[in-house]
Amino acid sequence: MEKFDVTIVGASVSGSRTAELIASKGYRVALVEEHEKIGRPLKCAGLVSWRLLELLPDLPRKIIINKVSKAKFFSPSGKFFMLESKKPVYVINRERLDRFLAQRAVKNGVEIKTLTKFLDLKYVNNLIKVKTSKGNLKTKLLIGADGANSKVARLAGIKQPNNILFGIQATVDGNFDSDSVELWLGSSIAPDFFAWVIPENENRARVGLATDENPLYFFKKFLKKRVGVLTKPDTAGLLKLGLMKETVSQRVLLVGDAACQLKPFSGGGVVYSLIASEICAGACCKALESEKFDKSSLKNFYEKIWKKVLGKGIKTGMFYRAILSKLSDQQLDLLFNSLKCGKNFLERLDMDFL
């Protein structure tokens, strides 16, 4: 049975980045991915703030498809106001980003096991026995980077929030403003969240929404309203929102969407995942160096630190979401009128931390 210092389940942004950073310190790392192709199936709208290049300065520019500077917010009645960002916002090819990070992990010595499904975990002789669809392995630490429906979290007894949204998106042809993202709010458009139009260029855009009920119905309705065509979605995924009470257990840590490290107000998770991955990797190295793998130590090494960095942003996002979700469509229309007066203030907000 193979033995690793760290085993990570899920080769998405958080999984691959965490694996790379730990392996770069000389530890043996396994990355378990149930799908054959890294980056597939696609589960991300692909809109990321300027911090992407700050966190990954050597990112290949071919991963960036477009750069936008404006956001148009539409009320239920079609009223809108526009905000301009002083810093760039990038439309990225998420599949390429995932593959880029996985390739960097491999270059640092990570052993990626694709088409390998994580099945179970069991504590055996001060290690974790990890059961997969292609055999078993032993590991000192196990990291769940396996998304909103994290099996690692469930088997480790770590509770995730019940705030669930269903996201769905298609890439469509049409006429778009290549420098503007559109956000549409309203209970008749996307209950409890919003719909979006993210341009790749002036002729092609990603159109989608997230909601807590009947996503396909509202998706088809919005497509017809906004672009006048119906097409099959090419992207879908779950979002679980909120600041988790715990993200560690004995010898187990969660990172990325599995730890709900995403922005509740927008649903974006790439930047938070990259930030949390650095903290998670540092925590694992500290645990391996000190041979402290108990829950209390992992809380000190990891959870307290990531919550100090990202916790305020998650709490603020949940606060704003709670306010918006209580407003009727008529109240949203009135709010839009007043927000136009606060345009200067809103443009100064940090889209990652509000």
Protein backbone atom coordinates (compact mmCIF):
# COMPACT_ATOMS: atom_id res chain seq x y z
CA MET A 1 0.00 0.00 0.00
CA GLU A 2 1.45 3.37 -1.03
CA LYS A 3 2.13 5.86 1.75
CA PHE A 4 1.99 9.64 1.38
CA ASP A 5 2.55 12.60 3.64
CA VAL A 6 -0.54 14.33 2.23
CA THR A 7 -3.39 13.09 0.05
CA ILE A 8 -5.71 15.61 -1.57
CA VAL A 9 -9.10 14.76 -3.03
CA GLY A 10 -10.05 16.98 -5.97
CA ALA A 11 -7.73 18.44 -8.64
CA SER A 12 -9.43 21.79 -9.05
CA VAL A 13 -7.86 25.18 -8.19
CA SER A 14 -7.60 24.63 -4.44
CA GLY A 15 -6.54 21.00 -4.67
CA SER A 16 -3.80 21.44 -7.27
CA ARG A 17 -2.44 24.67 -5.78
CA THR A 18 -2.29 23.21 -2.27
CA ALA A 19 -0.63 20.06 -3.62
CA GLU A 20 1.99 22.05 -5.51
CA LEU A 21 2.95 24.17 -2.51
CA ILE A 22 3.27 21.21 -0.14
CA ALA A 23 5.25 19.11 -2.62
CA SER A 24 7.62 22.02 -3.25
CA LYS A 25 8.79 21.56 0.36
CA GLY A 26 9.84 18.00 -0.32
CA TYR A 27 6.80 16.09 0.94
CA ARG A 28 5.21 13.21 -0.92
CA VAL A 29 1.76 14.28 -2.13
CA ALA A 30 -1.01 12.38 -3.93
CA LEU A 31 -3.79 14.19 -5.77
CA VAL A 32 -6.89 12.05 -6.34
CA GLU A 33 -9.26 13.14 -9.13
CA GLU A 34 -12.35 11.18 -10.14
CA HIS A 35 -12.57 12.60 -13.68
CA GLU A 36 -10.32 11.75 -16.59
CA LYS A 37 -9.68 15.31 -17.74
CA ILE A 38 -8.56 18.03 -15.32
CA GLY A 39 -10.94 21.00 -15.49
CA ARG A 40 -13.92 18.96 -16.68
CA PRO A 41 -16.83 19.06 -16.12
CA LEU A 42 -16.84 22.84 -16.01
CA LYS A 43 -18.47 24.36 -12.92
CA CYS A 44 -17.34 27.99 -12.95
CA ALA A 45 -18.55 31.17 -14.66
CA GLY A 46 -14.93 32.31 -14.98
CA LEU A 47 -15.03 35.94 -13.77
CA VAL A 48 -12.06 36.76 -11.52
CA SER A 49 -10.69 39.94 -9.96
CA TRP A 50 -7.29 41.57 -10.52
CA ARG A 51 -5.92 39.52 -7.60
CA LEU A 52 -5.60 36.51 -9.89
CA LEU A 53 -2.34 37.85 -11.36
CA GLU A 54 -1.14 38.96 -7.94
CA LEU A 55 -1.58 35.41 -6.63
CA LEU A 56 -0.33 33.75 -9.84
CA PRO A 57 2.06 36.25 -11.44
CA ASP A 58 3.38 33.69 -13.95
CA LEU A 59 -0.09 32.80 -15.21
CA PRO A 60 -0.03 32.24 -19.01
CA ARG A 61 -1.89 35.10 -20.66
CA LYS A 62 -3.78 32.67 -22.93
CA ILE A 63 -5.84 31.75 -19.84
CA ILE A 64 -7.30 35.29 -19.83
CA ILE A 65 -10.02 35.49 -22.50
CA ASN A 66 -11.21 39.04 -21.89
CA LYS A 67 -10.80 41.99 -19.56
CA VAL A 68 -13.78 44.07 -18.40
CA SER A 69 -14.01 47.28 -16.40
CA LYS A 70 -17.76 47.86 -16.06
CA ALA A 71 -20.73 46.15 -14.42
CA LYS A 72 -24.35 46.90 -15.28
CA PHE A 73 -26.87 46.03 -12.57
CA PHE A 74 -30.44 45.47 -13.78
CA SER A 75 -33.52 45.66 -11.54
CA PRO A 76 -36.60 43.46 -12.08
CA SER A 77 -38.27 46.17 -14.19
CA GLY A 78 -35.20 46.60 -16.39
CA LYS A 79 -33.82 49.73 -14.76
CA PHE A 80 -30.05 49.67 -14.47
CA PHE A 81 -27.07 51.53 -13.14
CA MET A 82 -23.43 51.03 -14.08
CA LEU A 83 -20.29 50.84 -11.97
CA GLU A 84 -16.74 51.15 -13.25
CA SER A 85 -13.84 49.27 -11.69
CA LYS A 86 -10.52 51.02 -11.23
CA LYS A 87 -8.78 47.65 -11.42
CA PRO A 88 -9.21 45.01 -14.12
CA VAL A 89 -11.63 42.09 -13.89
CA TYR A 90 -10.73 39.06 -15.97
CA VAL A 91 -12.82 36.57 -17.91
CA ILE A 92 -10.77 33.38 -17.82
CA ASN A 93 -10.71 29.95 -19.38
CA ARG A 94 -11.25 27.98 -16.19
CA GLU A 95 -10.39 24.61 -17.75
CA ARG A 96 -6.98 25.95 -18.81
CA LEU A 97 -6.42 27.41 -15.33
CA ASP A 98 -7.11 24.05 -13.69
CA ARG A 99 -4.78 22.27 -16.12
CA PHE A 100 -2.05 24.87 -15.61
CA LEU A 101 -2.15 24.41 -11.82
CA ALA A 102 -2.23 20.61 -12.12
CA GLN A 103 0.82 20.68 -14.43
CA ARG A 104 2.71 22.84 -11.96
CA ALA A 105 1.82 20.39 -9.20
CA VAL A 106 3.24 17.50 -11.25
CA LYS A 107 6.45 19.46 -11.93
CA ASN A 108 6.88 19.77 -8.16
CA GLY A 109 6.52 16.03 -7.66
CA VAL A 110 2.82 15.56 -7.01
CA GLU A 111 1.42 12.18 -8.10
CA ILE A 112 -1.94 12.79 -9.79
CA LYS A 113 -4.30 9.83 -9.92
CA THR A 114 -7.09 10.57 -12.43
CA LEU A 115 -10.16 8.42 -12.97
CA THR A 116 -9.81 7.58 -9.29
CA LYS A 117 -12.82 8.06 -7.05
CA PHE A 118 -12.46 8.67 -3.33
CA LEU A 119 -14.65 6.20 -1.48
CA ASP A 120 -13.87 6.13 2.24
CA LEU A 121 -11.44 6.97 5.01
CA LYS A 122 -10.43 5.03 8.10
CA TYR A 123 -8.02 5.83 10.92
CA VAL A 124 -5.39 3.08 11.19
CA ASN A 125 -2.20 3.15 13.32
CA ASN A 126 -1.77 6.94 13.42
CA LEU A 127 -2.47 7.26 9.71
CA ILE A 128 -5.53 7.56 7.49
CA LYS A 129 -6.30 4.68 5.19
CA VAL A 130 -7.85 6.16 2.05
CA LYS A 131 -10.04 3.85 0.01
CA THR A 132 -10.35 4.68 -3.69
CA SER A 133 -11.85 3.02 -6.74
CA LYS A 134 -8.32 2.00 -7.76
CA GLY A 135 -7.05 0.63 -4.48
CA ASN A 136 -6.04 1.95 -1.08
CA LEU A 137 -3.29 4.22 0.16
CA LYS A 138 -2.13 5.55 3.54
CA THR A 139 -1.57 9.17 4.39
CA LYS A 140 -0.58 11.34 7.34
CA LEU A 141 -2.96 14.14 6.30
CA LEU A 142 -6.06 14.14 4.11
CA ILE A 143 -7.33 17.30 2.42
CA GLY A 144 -10.84 17.61 1.02
CA ALA A 145 -10.78 19.85 -2.04
CA ASP A 146 -13.76 18.01 -3.47
CA GLY A 147 -16.26 20.84 -3.76
CA ALA A 148 -19.63 21.78 -2.36
CA ASN A 149 -20.76 18.18 -1.92
CA SER A 150 -17.52 17.19 -0.20
CA LYS A 151 -17.45 13.49 0.62
CA VAL A 152 -14.32 14.06 2.68
CA ALA A 153 -16.24 16.52 4.86
CA ARG A 154 -19.14 14.13 5.29
CA LEU A 155 -16.99 11.13 6.23
CA ALA A 156 -14.83 13.22 8.56
CA GLY A 157 -17.92 14.49 10.38
CA ILE A 158 -17.48 18.12 9.32
CA LYS A 159 -20.80 19.85 8.73
CA GLN A 160 -21.31 22.10 5.72
CA PRO A 161 -23.98 24.86 5.55
CA ASN A 162 -27.47 24.21 4.21
CA ASN A 163 -27.49 27.38 2.07
CA ILE A 164 -27.47 25.75 -1.36
CA LEU A 165 -27.71 27.41 -4.77
CA PHE A 166 -27.81 25.70 -8.16
CA GLY A 167 -25.80 27.40 -10.91
CA ILE A 168 -26.28 26.87 -14.65
CA GLN A 169 -24.72 28.59 -17.68
CA ALA A 170 -24.35 28.44 -21.47
CA THR A 171 -21.97 30.15 -23.89
CA VAL A 172 -24.01 31.86 -26.59
CA ASP A 173 -23.55 34.04 -29.66
CA GLY A 174 -25.10 37.50 -29.87
CA ASN A 175 -24.36 41.20 -29.55
CA PHE A 176 -22.66 42.19 -26.30
CA ASP A 177 -20.64 45.00 -24.78
CA SER A 178 -17.23 43.34 -24.47
CA ASP A 179 -16.24 45.68 -21.61
CA SER A 180 -19.33 45.18 -19.43
CA VAL A 181 -20.63 42.39 -17.24
CA GLU A 182 -24.41 42.34 -16.66
CA LEU A 183 -26.05 41.31 -13.38
CA TRP A 184 -29.83 40.86 -13.30
CA LEU A 185 -31.74 40.70 -10.02
CA GLY A 186 -35.33 39.82 -9.19
CA SER A 187 -37.50 36.94 -7.99
CA SER A 188 -38.87 36.47 -11.51
CA ILE A 189 -35.32 36.23 -12.91
CA ALA A 190 -33.26 34.27 -10.35
CA PRO A 191 -34.84 33.79 -6.91
CA ASP A 192 -32.39 34.33 -4.04
CA PHE A 193 -29.44 35.22 -6.30
CA PHE A 194 -28.99 36.76 -9.78
CA ALA A 195 -28.46 36.11 -13.48
CA TRP A 196 -25.36 37.19 -15.37
CA VAL A 197 -23.95 37.95 -18.80
CA ILE A 198 -20.15 37.67 -18.97
CA PRO A 199 -18.73 38.69 -22.36
CA GLU A 200 -15.84 36.80 -23.95
CA ASN A 201 -15.95 39.34 -26.77
CA GLU A 202 -18.56 41.48 -28.54
CA ASN A 203 -20.07 38.43 -30.26
CA ARG A 204 -19.96 35.77 -27.54
CA ALA A 205 -20.88 35.65 -23.86
CA ARG A 206 -21.48 33.33 -20.93
CA VAL A 207 -25.10 33.65 -19.86
CA GLY A 208 -26.32 31.99 -16.70
CA LEU A 209 -27.80 32.26 -13.25
CA ALA A 210 -27.88 30.70 -9.83
CA THR A 211 -30.99 30.12 -7.75
CA ASP A 212 -32.30 27.99 -4.93
CA GLU A 213 -35.20 26.58 -6.98
CA ASN A 214 -35.98 25.35 -10.52
CA PRO A 215 -32.70 26.51 -12.09
CA LEU A 216 -33.40 25.11 -15.56
CA TYR A 217 -36.79 26.84 -15.75
CA PHE A 218 -35.37 30.26 -14.83
CA PHE A 219 -32.30 29.69 -17.02
CA LYS A 220 -34.41 29.06 -20.13
CA LYS A 221 -36.64 32.02 -19.29
CA PHE A 222 -33.67 34.38 -18.88
CA LEU A 223 -31.95 33.14 -22.06
CA LYS A 224 -35.06 33.87 -24.05
CA LYS A 225 -35.44 37.29 -22.43
CA ARG A 226 -31.84 38.39 -22.82
CA VAL A 227 -30.63 36.81 -26.09
CA GLY A 228 -33.79 35.44 -27.68
CA VAL A 229 -32.49 31.90 -28.09
CA LEU A 230 -32.59 28.62 -26.19
CA THR A 231 -29.57 26.36 -25.91
CA LYS A 232 -28.31 23.59 -23.69
CA PRO A 233 -26.19 24.58 -20.68
CA ASP A 234 -22.48 23.80 -20.81
CA THR A 235 -21.69 24.62 -17.19
CA ALA A 236 -23.43 23.65 -13.96
CA GLY A 237 -22.57 23.38 -10.28
CA LEU A 238 -23.59 23.77 -6.66
CA LEU A 239 -22.77 26.62 -4.31
CA LYS A 240 -22.89 26.29 -0.54
CA LEU A 241 -22.63 29.62 1.21
CA GLY A 242 -21.65 30.69 4.69
CA LEU A 243 -18.81 30.71 7.20
CA MET A 244 -18.35 27.11 8.33
CA LYS A 245 -18.04 26.50 12.06
CA GLU A 246 -15.27 23.98 11.50
CA THR A 247 -13.10 23.08 8.52
CA VAL A 248 -10.76 20.58 10.20
CA SER A 249 -10.94 17.28 12.01
CA GLN A 250 -8.23 14.91 13.19
CA ARG A 251 -5.71 14.66 10.30
CA VAL A 252 -8.31 16.17 7.92
CA LEU A 253 -8.57 19.67 6.42
CA LEU A 254 -11.00 21.20 3.92
CA VAL A 255 -10.06 23.83 1.35
CA GLY A 256 -11.81 25.73 -1.45
CA ASP A 257 -15.50 25.13 -2.10
CA ALA A 258 -15.43 22.16 0.30
CA ALA A 259 -14.71 24.70 3.06
CA CYS A 260 -17.19 27.23 1.58
CA GLN A 261 -14.28 29.56 0.88
CA LEU A 262 -16.13 31.62 -1.71
CA LYS A 263 -17.77 35.01 -1.89
CA PRO A 264 -21.45 34.71 -0.82
CA PHE A 265 -22.48 37.88 -2.61
CA SER A 266 -21.17 36.85 -6.03
CA GLY A 267 -20.46 33.12 -5.72
CA GLY A 268 -16.88 33.58 -6.94
CA GLY A 269 -14.37 31.16 -5.47
CA VAL A 270 -11.11 31.26 -7.46
CA VAL A 271 -9.40 34.08 -5.53
CA TYR A 272 -10.53 32.79 -2.12
CA SER A 273 -9.40 29.27 -3.07
CA LEU A 274 -5.94 30.50 -4.05
CA ILE A 275 -5.55 32.47 -0.83
CA ALA A 276 -6.80 29.57 1.30
CA SER A 277 -4.56 27.10 -0.54
CA GLU A 278 -1.44 28.97 0.54
CA ILE A 279 -2.65 28.96 4.14
CA CYS A 280 -3.62 25.29 3.96
CA ALA A 281 -0.27 24.26 2.49
CA GLY A 282 1.60 26.18 5.18
CA ALA A 283 -0.53 24.55 7.87
CA CYS A 284 0.13 21.05 6.52
CA CYS A 285 3.88 21.65 6.40
CA LYS A 286 3.78 22.90 9.97
CA ALA A 287 1.81 19.84 11.08
CA LEU A 288 4.24 17.49 9.32
CA GLU A 289 7.27 19.25 10.78
CA SER A 290 5.88 19.15 14.33
CA GLU A 291 4.06 15.82 13.89
CA LYS A 292 0.93 17.40 15.33
CA PHE A 293 -2.14 16.15 13.48
CA ASP A 294 -4.86 16.54 16.12
CA LYS A 295 -7.90 18.72 15.54
CA SER A 296 -6.80 21.43 17.97
CA SER A 297 -3.42 21.86 16.30
CA LEU A 298 -4.94 21.98 12.81
CA LYS A 299 -7.35 24.65 14.01
CA ASN A 300 -4.41 26.76 15.17
CA PHE A 301 -2.28 26.09 12.10
CA TYR A 302 -5.05 26.54 9.53
CA GLU A 303 -8.59 27.42 10.52
CA LYS A 304 -7.86 30.41 12.73
CA ILE A 305 -5.59 31.90 10.08
CA TRP A 306 -7.81 31.48 7.03
CA LYS A 307 -10.81 32.80 8.92
CA LYS A 308 -8.82 35.85 9.96
CA VAL A 309 -8.04 36.55 6.30
CA LEU A 310 -11.32 35.54 4.61
CA GLY A 311 -13.89 35.35 7.40
CA LYS A 312 -14.86 39.03 7.36
CA GLY A 313 -15.49 38.95 3.60
CA ILE A 314 -17.71 35.88 3.93
CA LYS A 315 -19.68 37.39 6.83
CA THR A 316 -20.14 40.69 4.97
CA GLY A 317 -21.27 38.90 1.84
CA MET A 318 -23.80 36.86 3.80
CA PHE A 319 -25.09 40.06 5.41
CA TYR A 320 -25.71 41.78 2.08
CA ARG A 321 -27.28 38.61 0.64
CA ALA A 322 -29.66 38.41 3.60
CA ILE A 323 -30.81 41.97 2.98
CA LEU A 324 -31.33 41.54 -0.76
CA SER A 325 -33.16 38.22 -0.39
CA LYS A 326 -35.82 39.89 1.78
CA LEU A 327 -36.61 42.62 -0.75
CA SER A 328 -39.55 42.34 -3.12
CA ASP A 329 -39.13 43.21 -6.79
CA GLN A 330 -40.79 46.57 -6.13
CA GLN A 331 -38.38 47.29 -3.29
CA LEU A 332 -35.44 46.32 -5.50
CA ASP A 333 -36.57 48.87 -8.08
CA LEU A 334 -36.67 51.55 -5.39
CA LEU A 335 -33.25 50.46 -4.11
CA PHE A 336 -31.76 50.85 -7.59
CA ASN A 337 -32.94 54.44 -7.75
CA SER A 338 -31.18 55.23 -4.47
CA LEU A 339 -28.02 53.31 -5.33
CA LYS A 340 -27.44 55.54 -8.34
CA CYS A 341 -26.81 58.34 -5.86
CA GLY A 342 -24.15 56.27 -4.09
CA LYS A 343 -22.25 55.33 -7.25
CA ASN A 344 -18.94 56.83 -6.06
CA PHE A 345 -19.08 54.88 -2.80
CA LEU A 346 -19.97 51.62 -4.50
CA GLU A 347 -17.11 51.93 -6.99
CA ARG A 348 -14.66 52.14 -4.08
CA LEU A 349 -15.75 48.76 -2.69
CA ASP A 350 -13.38 45.81 -3.07
CA MET A 351 -15.24 43.16 -5.11
CA ASP A 352 -13.38 40.38 -3.25
CA PHE A 353 -14.07 41.62 0.27
CA LEU A 354 -16.89 44.16 -0.21
